[in-house]
Amino acid sequence: MTRRALLAAASAVPFASAFPSFANMDRSAMDELVLDHSRITHLAGLESIRNGAPDAGRLQGAVTVVNFFASWCPPCGPEAEILTDLFGDWDDRDVQFVSVNLFEDLGGVSNPGRLERFLNRYEPPFSVVRGNDDTKTLFGGVDRIPTLFVFGQAGEVVFRFVHERDAEIMSAERDEIEAAIVQATAQSSS
């Protein structure tokens, strides 16, 4: 499919309606989510796109930021930039970052070059893996991107952001993510 045909197809379907409405999901599934052994093992077993798969041993008991993105998603770029920046601030501490690529082939259109350009532009220094249907289910039914979680050391959700239809804020903001990391690391040291 040519770029012009892809753009025409994309404009025919509004960005926010490309996926089922999050409002139809059971939010309690995400509220009750825990980064437990099965989810950690799942993340560690996903296909690496960049920087290798995450180390299950390092994720266990760590404050962990997990975000779900696609290269075609306009708000995913700024979020990737924020996470790359935050990684530099927290690299020496017990905070792990994992990016999970979902919905990359929107509408059945595969474009590996687009994903490569996205990763080259934002240069995430942490694990970037390819998610699948099991990943979506294990993380509370992810059906919107960007979606981001900050998990505390006990695996509890400290912060969650899901891009909502017609939202004014398109992705998690740096101060929100950083505050959640600070909160989670402070809880672990008390």
C-alpha atoms as a PDB file:
ATOM      1  CA  MET A   1       0.000   0.000   0.000  1.00  0.00           C
ATOM      2  CA  THR A   2       1.377   3.402  -0.926  1.00  0.00           C
ATOM      3  CA  ARG A   3       1.858   6.153   1.647  1.00  0.00           C
ATOM      4  CA  ARG A   4      -0.951   8.175   0.019  1.00  0.00           C
ATOM      5  CA  ALA A   5      -3.351   5.196   0.167  1.00  0.00           C
ATOM      6  CA  LEU A   6      -2.401   4.536   3.793  1.00  0.00           C
ATOM      7  CA  LEU A   7      -3.014   8.175   4.735  1.00  0.00           C
ATOM      8  CA  ALA A   8      -6.364   8.141   2.940  1.00  0.00           C
ATOM      9  CA  ALA A   9      -7.392   4.961   4.760  1.00  0.00           C
ATOM     10  CA  ALA A  10      -6.242   6.377   8.103  1.00  0.00           C
ATOM     11  CA  SER A  11      -8.163   9.603   7.605  1.00  0.00           C
ATOM     12  CA  ALA A  12     -11.324   7.640   6.857  1.00  0.00           C
ATOM     13  CA  VAL A  13     -11.192   6.126  10.381  1.00  0.00           C
ATOM     14  CA  PRO A  14     -10.629   8.607  13.201  1.00  0.00           C
ATOM     15  CA  PHE A  15      -7.572   7.810  15.343  1.00  0.00           C
ATOM     16  CA  ALA A  16      -9.534   7.431  18.568  1.00  0.00           C
ATOM     17  CA  SER A  17     -12.007   4.999  17.061  1.00  0.00           C
ATOM     18  CA  ALA A  18      -9.392   2.645  15.646  1.00  0.00           C
ATOM     19  CA  PHE A  19      -9.830   0.460  18.730  1.00  0.00           C
ATOM     20  CA  PRO A  20     -12.770  -0.460  20.922  1.00  0.00           C
ATOM     21  CA  SER A  21     -13.739   2.209  23.403  1.00  0.00           C
ATOM     22  CA  PHE A  22     -11.907   1.913  26.696  1.00  0.00           C
ATOM     23  CA  ALA A  23     -15.150   2.954  28.353  1.00  0.00           C
ATOM     24  CA  ASN A  24     -16.475  -0.520  27.504  1.00  0.00           C
ATOM     25  CA  MET A  25     -13.666  -2.201  29.429  1.00  0.00           C
ATOM     26  CA  ASP A  26     -13.815  -3.249  33.037  1.00  0.00           C
ATOM     27  CA  ARG A  27     -11.539  -0.652  34.643  1.00  0.00           C
ATOM     28  CA  SER A  28     -11.255  -2.771  37.775  1.00  0.00           C
ATOM     29  CA  ALA A  29      -9.197  -5.268  35.742  1.00  0.00           C
ATOM     30  CA  MET A  30      -6.509  -2.607  35.389  1.00  0.00           C
ATOM     31  CA  ASP A  31      -6.929  -1.341  38.960  1.00  0.00           C
ATOM     32  CA  GLU A  32      -6.432  -4.842  40.348  1.00  0.00           C
ATOM     33  CA  LEU A  33      -3.487  -5.598  38.064  1.00  0.00           C
ATOM     34  CA  VAL A  34      -0.310  -6.797  39.785  1.00  0.00           C
ATOM     35  CA  LEU A  35       3.087  -7.188  38.147  1.00  0.00           C
ATOM     36  CA  ASP A  36       3.445 -10.732  39.424  1.00  0.00           C
ATOM     37  CA  HIS A  37       5.674 -13.636  38.432  1.00  0.00           C
ATOM     38  CA  SER A  38       3.484 -14.677  35.487  1.00  0.00           C
ATOM     39  CA  ARG A  39       3.454 -11.164  33.981  1.00  0.00           C
ATOM     40  CA  ILE A  40       7.178 -10.710  34.591  1.00  0.00           C
ATOM     41  CA  THR A  41       7.908 -14.067  32.943  1.00  0.00           C
ATOM     42  CA  HIS A  42       5.658 -13.105  30.041  1.00  0.00           C
ATOM     43  CA  LEU A  43       7.462  -9.767  29.504  1.00  0.00           C
ATOM     44  CA  ALA A  44      10.863 -11.488  29.697  1.00  0.00           C
ATOM     45  CA  GLY A  45       9.747 -14.039  27.096  1.00  0.00           C
ATOM     46  CA  LEU A  46       8.538 -11.553  24.480  1.00  0.00           C
ATOM     47  CA  GLU A  47      10.440 -11.059  21.239  1.00  0.00           C
ATOM     48  CA  SER A  48      13.009  -8.294  21.592  1.00  0.00           C
ATOM     49  CA  ILE A  49      12.810  -5.463  19.107  1.00  0.00           C
ATOM     50  CA  ARG A  50      15.596  -3.437  20.673  1.00  0.00           C
ATOM     51  CA  ASN A  51      18.026  -3.775  23.632  1.00  0.00           C
ATOM     52  CA  GLY A  52      17.133  -7.385  24.418  1.00  0.00           C
ATOM     53  CA  ALA A  53      14.219  -8.759  26.386  1.00  0.00           C
ATOM     54  CA  PRO A  54      13.848  -7.509  29.949  1.00  0.00           C
ATOM     55  CA  ASP A  55      15.621  -9.519  32.638  1.00  0.00           C
ATOM     56  CA  ALA A  56      12.980 -11.209  34.799  1.00  0.00           C
ATOM     57  CA  GLY A  57      15.338 -11.138  37.784  1.00  0.00           C
ATOM     58  CA  ARG A  58      15.731  -7.363  37.537  1.00  0.00           C
ATOM     59  CA  LEU A  59      11.967  -6.802  37.174  1.00  0.00           C
ATOM     60  CA  GLN A  60      11.145  -8.878  40.258  1.00  0.00           C
ATOM     61  CA  GLY A  61      10.827  -6.524  43.230  1.00  0.00           C
ATOM     62  CA  ALA A  62      11.691  -3.434  41.185  1.00  0.00           C
ATOM     63  CA  VAL A  63       9.725  -0.290  40.536  1.00  0.00           C
ATOM     64  CA  THR A  64       8.801  -0.899  36.897  1.00  0.00           C
ATOM     65  CA  VAL A  65       7.457   1.364  34.164  1.00  0.00           C
ATOM     66  CA  VAL A  66       5.672  -0.515  31.369  1.00  0.00           C
ATOM     67  CA  ASN A  67       4.296   1.370  28.401  1.00  0.00           C
ATOM     68  CA  PHE A  68       2.379   0.152  25.364  1.00  0.00           C
ATOM     69  CA  PHE A  69       2.926   1.984  22.071  1.00  0.00           C
ATOM     70  CA  ALA A  70       2.875   1.832  18.281  1.00  0.00           C
ATOM     71  CA  SER A  71       5.093   3.808  15.916  1.00  0.00           C
ATOM     72  CA  TRP A  72       2.104   5.305  14.041  1.00  0.00           C
ATOM     73  CA  CYS A  73       0.507   6.647  17.243  1.00  0.00           C
ATOM     74  CA  PRO A  74       0.982  10.452  17.465  1.00  0.00           C
ATOM     75  CA  PRO A  75       1.050  10.691  21.297  1.00  0.00           C
ATOM     76  CA  CYS A  76       3.384   7.687  21.604  1.00  0.00           C
ATOM     77  CA  GLY A  77       6.377   9.689  20.340  1.00  0.00           C
ATOM     78  CA  PRO A  78       6.330  12.338  23.088  1.00  0.00           C
ATOM     79  CA  GLU A  79       5.807   9.599  25.677  1.00  0.00           C
ATOM     80  CA  ALA A  80       8.813   7.674  24.302  1.00  0.00           C
ATOM     81  CA  GLU A  81      10.905  10.835  24.602  1.00  0.00           C
ATOM     82  CA  ILE A  82       9.818  11.307  28.231  1.00  0.00           C
ATOM     83  CA  LEU A  83      10.618   7.698  29.121  1.00  0.00           C
ATOM     84  CA  THR A  84      14.040   7.880  27.497  1.00  0.00           C
ATOM     85  CA  ASP A  85      14.758  11.038  29.493  1.00  0.00           C
ATOM     86  CA  LEU A  86      13.469   9.536  32.757  1.00  0.00           C
ATOM     87  CA  PHE A  87      15.529   6.389  32.228  1.00  0.00           C
ATOM     88  CA  GLY A  88      18.643   8.559  32.363  1.00  0.00           C
ATOM     89  CA  ASP A  89      17.484  10.057  35.662  1.00  0.00           C
ATOM     90  CA  TRP A  90      16.689   6.695  37.270  1.00  0.00           C
ATOM     91  CA  ASP A  91      19.154   4.357  35.565  1.00  0.00           C
ATOM     92  CA  ASP A  92      21.307   3.819  38.672  1.00  0.00           C
ATOM     93  CA  ARG A  93      18.342   3.150  40.940  1.00  0.00           C
ATOM     94  CA  ASP A  94      16.059   0.171  41.240  1.00  0.00           C
ATOM     95  CA  VAL A  95      13.696   1.305  38.471  1.00  0.00           C
ATOM     96  CA  GLN A  96      13.127  -0.737  35.321  1.00  0.00           C
ATOM     97  CA  PHE A  97      11.581   0.393  32.023  1.00  0.00           C
ATOM     98  CA  VAL A  98       9.943  -1.815  29.386  1.00  0.00           C
ATOM     99  CA  SER A  99       8.212  -0.653  26.196  1.00  0.00           C
ATOM    100  CA  VAL A 100       5.758  -3.048  24.573  1.00  0.00           C
ATOM    101  CA  ASN A 101       4.901  -2.555  20.910  1.00  0.00           C
ATOM    102  CA  LEU A 102       1.219  -3.295  20.234  1.00  0.00           C
ATOM    103  CA  PHE A 103      -1.146  -2.636  17.344  1.00  0.00           C
ATOM    104  CA  GLU A 104       1.819  -1.943  15.047  1.00  0.00           C
ATOM    105  CA  ASP A 105       0.102  -3.426  12.003  1.00  0.00           C
ATOM    106  CA  LEU A 106      -3.052  -1.313  12.250  1.00  0.00           C
ATOM    107  CA  GLY A 107      -5.521  -2.320   9.587  1.00  0.00           C
ATOM    108  CA  GLY A 108      -3.296  -5.200   8.527  1.00  0.00           C
ATOM    109  CA  VAL A 109      -0.660  -2.829   7.126  1.00  0.00           C
ATOM    110  CA  SER A 110       2.872  -3.797   8.092  1.00  0.00           C
ATOM    111  CA  ASN A 111       5.601  -1.167   7.903  1.00  0.00           C
ATOM    112  CA  PRO A 112       8.812  -2.328   9.635  1.00  0.00           C
ATOM    113  CA  GLY A 113      10.626   0.781   8.388  1.00  0.00           C
ATOM    114  CA  ARG A 114       8.227   3.041  10.277  1.00  0.00           C
ATOM    115  CA  LEU A 115       8.944   1.219  13.555  1.00  0.00           C
ATOM    116  CA  GLU A 116      12.690   1.376  12.903  1.00  0.00           C
ATOM    117  CA  ARG A 117      12.488   5.143  12.232  1.00  0.00           C
ATOM    118  CA  PHE A 118      10.484   5.621  15.450  1.00  0.00           C
ATOM    119  CA  LEU A 119      13.068   3.718  17.504  1.00  0.00           C
ATOM    120  CA  ASN A 120      15.974   5.522  15.836  1.00  0.00           C
ATOM    121  CA  ARG A 121      14.347   8.878  16.549  1.00  0.00           C
ATOM    122  CA  TYR A 122      13.647   8.290  20.266  1.00  0.00           C
ATOM    123  CA  GLU A 123      16.515   5.850  20.959  1.00  0.00           C
ATOM    124  CA  PRO A 124      15.028   4.073  23.975  1.00  0.00           C
ATOM    125  CA  PRO A 125      17.919   2.747  26.091  1.00  0.00           C
ATOM    126  CA  PHE A 126      15.723   0.069  27.703  1.00  0.00           C
ATOM    127  CA  SER A 127      14.016  -3.118  26.496  1.00  0.00           C
ATOM    128  CA  VAL A 128      11.530  -2.737  23.661  1.00  0.00           C
ATOM    129  CA  VAL A 129       9.550  -5.903  22.980  1.00  0.00           C
ATOM    130  CA  ARG A 130       6.768  -7.020  20.656  1.00  0.00           C
ATOM    131  CA  GLY A 131       3.517  -7.686  22.507  1.00  0.00           C
ATOM    132  CA  ASN A 132       0.748 -10.048  21.469  1.00  0.00           C
ATOM    133  CA  ASP A 133      -2.846 -10.905  22.363  1.00  0.00           C
ATOM    134  CA  ASP A 134      -1.737 -12.618  25.593  1.00  0.00           C
ATOM    135  CA  THR A 135       0.120  -9.435  26.581  1.00  0.00           C
ATOM    136  CA  LYS A 136      -3.025  -7.346  26.120  1.00  0.00           C
ATOM    137  CA  THR A 137      -5.027  -9.741  28.280  1.00  0.00           C
ATOM    138  CA  LEU A 138      -2.397 -10.106  31.011  1.00  0.00           C
ATOM    139  CA  PHE A 139      -2.205  -6.334  31.426  1.00  0.00           C
ATOM    140  CA  GLY A 140      -5.910  -5.804  32.009  1.00  0.00           C
ATOM    141  CA  GLY A 141      -7.193  -5.844  28.447  1.00  0.00           C
ATOM    142  CA  VAL A 142      -5.046  -3.134  26.886  1.00  0.00           C
ATOM    143  CA  ASP A 143      -6.937  -1.874  23.857  1.00  0.00           C
ATOM    144  CA  ARG A 144      -5.772   1.750  23.641  1.00  0.00           C
ATOM    145  CA  ILE A 145      -2.381   3.303  23.145  1.00  0.00           C
ATOM    146  CA  PRO A 146      -0.507   4.830  24.663  1.00  0.00           C
ATOM    147  CA  THR A 147      -1.139   2.956  27.882  1.00  0.00           C
ATOM    148  CA  LEU A 148       1.388   3.225  30.695  1.00  0.00           C
ATOM    149  CA  PHE A 149       1.736   1.663  34.134  1.00  0.00           C
ATOM    150  CA  VAL A 150       4.115   2.365  36.989  1.00  0.00           C
ATOM    151  CA  PHE A 151       4.309  -0.655  39.293  1.00  0.00           C
ATOM    152  CA  GLY A 152       5.693  -0.505  42.831  1.00  0.00           C
ATOM    153  CA  GLN A 153       8.189  -3.002  44.214  1.00  0.00           C
ATOM    154  CA  ALA A 154       5.378  -5.270  45.418  1.00  0.00           C
ATOM    155  CA  GLY A 155       3.933  -5.208  41.874  1.00  0.00           C
ATOM    156  CA  GLU A 156       0.978  -2.941  42.699  1.00  0.00           C
ATOM    157  CA  VAL A 157      -0.183  -0.283  40.246  1.00  0.00           C
ATOM    158  CA  VAL A 158       1.056   3.082  41.506  1.00  0.00           C
ATOM    159  CA  PHE A 159       0.068   5.002  38.375  1.00  0.00           C
ATOM    160  CA  ARG A 160      -1.872   4.220  35.230  1.00  0.00           C
ATOM    161  CA  PHE A 161      -2.503   6.243  32.091  1.00  0.00           C
ATOM    162  CA  VAL A 162      -4.737   5.118  29.226  1.00  0.00           C
ATOM    163  CA  HIS A 163      -5.310   7.329  26.217  1.00  0.00           C
ATOM    164  CA  GLU A 164      -9.029   8.038  26.257  1.00  0.00           C
ATOM    165  CA  ARG A 165     -11.189   8.988  23.302  1.00  0.00           C
ATOM    166  CA  ASP A 166     -11.433  12.780  22.876  1.00  0.00           C
ATOM    167  CA  ALA A 167      -9.039  13.353  25.782  1.00  0.00           C
ATOM    168  CA  GLU A 168      -7.299  16.686  26.256  1.00  0.00           C
ATOM    169  CA  ILE A 169      -4.167  14.932  27.517  1.00  0.00           C
ATOM    170  CA  MET A 170      -2.899  12.496  24.915  1.00  0.00           C
ATOM    171  CA  SER A 171      -0.150  10.713  26.866  1.00  0.00           C
ATOM    172  CA  ALA A 172       1.210  10.473  30.375  1.00  0.00           C
ATOM    173  CA  GLU A 173       3.103  13.598  31.372  1.00  0.00           C
ATOM    174  CA  ARG A 174       6.613  13.594  32.729  1.00  0.00           C
ATOM    175  CA  ASP A 175       5.695  15.035  36.130  1.00  0.00           C
ATOM    176  CA  GLU A 176       2.987  12.366  36.644  1.00  0.00           C
ATOM    177  CA  ILE A 177       5.310   9.491  35.761  1.00  0.00           C
ATOM    178  CA  GLU A 178       8.152  10.901  37.824  1.00  0.00           C
ATOM    179  CA  ALA A 179       5.887  11.517  40.837  1.00  0.00           C
ATOM    180  CA  ALA A 180       4.701   7.895  40.639  1.00  0.00           C
ATOM    181  CA  ILE A 181       8.296   6.632  40.483  1.00  0.00           C
ATOM    182  CA  VAL A 182       9.266   8.823  43.443  1.00  0.00           C
ATOM    183  CA  GLN A 183       6.217   7.589  45.388  1.00  0.00           C
ATOM    184  CA  ALA A 184       6.997   3.934  44.583  1.00  0.00           C
ATOM    185  CA  THR A 185      10.679   4.212  45.460  1.00  0.00           C
ATOM    186  CA  ALA A 186       9.860   6.106  48.685  1.00  0.00           C
ATOM    187  CA  GLN A 187       7.437   3.349  49.711  1.00  0.00           C
ATOM    188  CA  SER A 188      10.163   0.782  49.207  1.00  0.00           C
ATOM    189  CA  SER A 189      12.631   2.607  51.414  1.00  0.00           C
ATOM    190  CA  SER A 190      10.209   3.050  54.314  1.00  0.00           C
END
